[in-house]
């Protein structure tokens, strides 16, 4: 049975993960300091350091529906399907 190697016998190897490391990207200051949830609307409220509400721009909302229809319950080829969406 061979003896176990000691640290002096081992050859140092650069860890594989180090080659994948990169510097963090440049950071930027955010226009808000905190985000809270408005209990009435359930939407986020962005506030600056003084507690004033910060407008974060308009974001659209969308909703969609999808329906599947089958005219023959024992056959796959007779199926159809419908999709629609609305965005503001």
Protein backbone atom coordinates (compact mmCIF):
# COMPACT_ATOMS: atom_id res chain seq x y z
CA UNK A 1 0.00 0.00 0.00
CA UNK A 2 1.62 3.33 -1.04
CA UNK A 3 2.06 6.02 1.61
CA UNK A 4 -0.04 9.14 1.41
CA UNK A 5 1.61 12.25 -0.05
CA UNK A 6 2.62 15.08 2.21
CA UNK A 7 2.08 18.78 1.35
CA UNK A 8 5.75 19.06 0.37
CA UNK A 9 5.24 16.33 -2.26
CA UNK A 10 2.21 17.99 -3.90
CA UNK A 11 2.49 20.21 -6.98
CA UNK A 12 0.45 23.41 -6.68
CA UNK A 13 -2.29 23.69 -9.30
CA UNK A 14 -4.17 26.86 -10.13
CA UNK A 15 -7.89 26.31 -9.38
CA UNK A 16 -10.06 26.07 -12.50
CA UNK A 17 -12.57 28.66 -11.23
CA UNK A 18 -9.99 31.44 -11.05
CA UNK A 19 -9.78 31.54 -14.86
CA UNK A 20 -13.50 32.34 -14.94
CA UNK A 21 -13.33 35.29 -12.56
CA UNK A 22 -13.64 38.85 -13.84
CA UNK A 23 -13.88 42.26 -12.23
CA UNK A 24 -17.33 43.43 -11.25
CA UNK A 25 -18.93 45.74 -13.81
CA UNK A 26 -18.96 49.44 -13.11
CA UNK A 27 -21.69 50.31 -10.65
CA UNK A 28 -24.06 53.23 -10.92
CA UNK A 29 -26.00 55.24 -8.37
CA UNK A 30 -29.68 54.38 -8.29
CA UNK A 31 -32.21 57.22 -8.31
CA UNK A 32 -33.90 55.76 -5.23
CA UNK A 33 -32.88 54.65 -1.77
CA UNK A 34 -35.75 52.38 -0.69
CA UNK A 35 -38.72 50.55 -2.15
CA UNK A 36 -41.89 49.91 -0.18
CA UNK A 37 -45.25 48.39 -1.13
CA UNK A 38 -48.30 50.66 -1.15
CA UNK A 39 -50.94 48.71 0.84
CA UNK A 40 -53.81 50.12 -1.27
CA UNK A 41 -52.44 49.50 -4.78
CA UNK A 42 -49.94 46.71 -3.99
CA UNK A 43 -47.40 48.52 -6.17
CA UNK A 44 -43.84 49.45 -5.35
CA UNK A 45 -43.13 53.00 -4.17
CA UNK A 46 -39.59 54.18 -4.83
CA UNK A 47 -38.30 56.81 -2.40
CA UNK A 48 -35.14 58.91 -2.28
CA UNK A 49 -32.97 59.60 0.79
CA UNK A 50 -35.38 62.30 2.00
CA UNK A 51 -38.41 59.99 1.72
CA UNK A 52 -39.83 61.69 -1.40
CA UNK A 53 -41.47 59.51 -4.03
CA UNK A 54 -39.31 59.05 -7.13
CA UNK A 55 -40.99 58.49 -10.51
CA UNK A 56 -39.41 55.45 -12.14
CA UNK A 57 -40.95 55.94 -15.59
CA UNK A 58 -43.94 54.34 -17.15
CA UNK A 59 -44.02 50.61 -17.66
CA UNK A 60 -46.60 48.91 -19.81
CA UNK A 61 -48.74 46.09 -18.58
CA UNK A 62 -50.10 43.25 -20.58
CA UNK A 63 -52.42 40.34 -20.15
CA UNK A 64 -53.19 37.43 -22.40
CA UNK A 65 -55.64 34.61 -22.70
CA UNK A 66 -55.37 31.27 -24.39
CA UNK A 67 -58.17 28.83 -25.03
CA UNK A 68 -58.02 25.32 -26.38
CA UNK A 69 -60.92 23.72 -28.17
CA UNK A 70 -61.60 20.12 -29.08
CA UNK A 71 -64.45 19.02 -31.31
CA UNK A 72 -63.78 15.34 -30.84
CA UNK A 73 -62.81 14.23 -27.33
CA UNK A 74 -61.25 10.94 -28.46
CA UNK A 75 -59.12 12.37 -31.25
CA UNK A 76 -56.07 14.65 -31.10
CA UNK A 77 -56.15 16.05 -34.68
CA UNK A 78 -59.47 17.85 -34.16
CA UNK A 79 -58.06 20.33 -31.67
CA UNK A 80 -57.70 24.05 -32.22
CA UNK A 81 -56.45 26.87 -30.07
CA UNK A 82 -56.76 30.63 -29.76
CA UNK A 83 -54.54 33.36 -28.32
CA UNK A 84 -54.97 37.07 -27.76
CA UNK A 85 -53.21 39.75 -25.77
CA UNK A 86 -53.72 43.34 -24.68
CA UNK A 87 -51.03 45.84 -23.79
CA UNK A 88 -51.21 49.41 -22.58
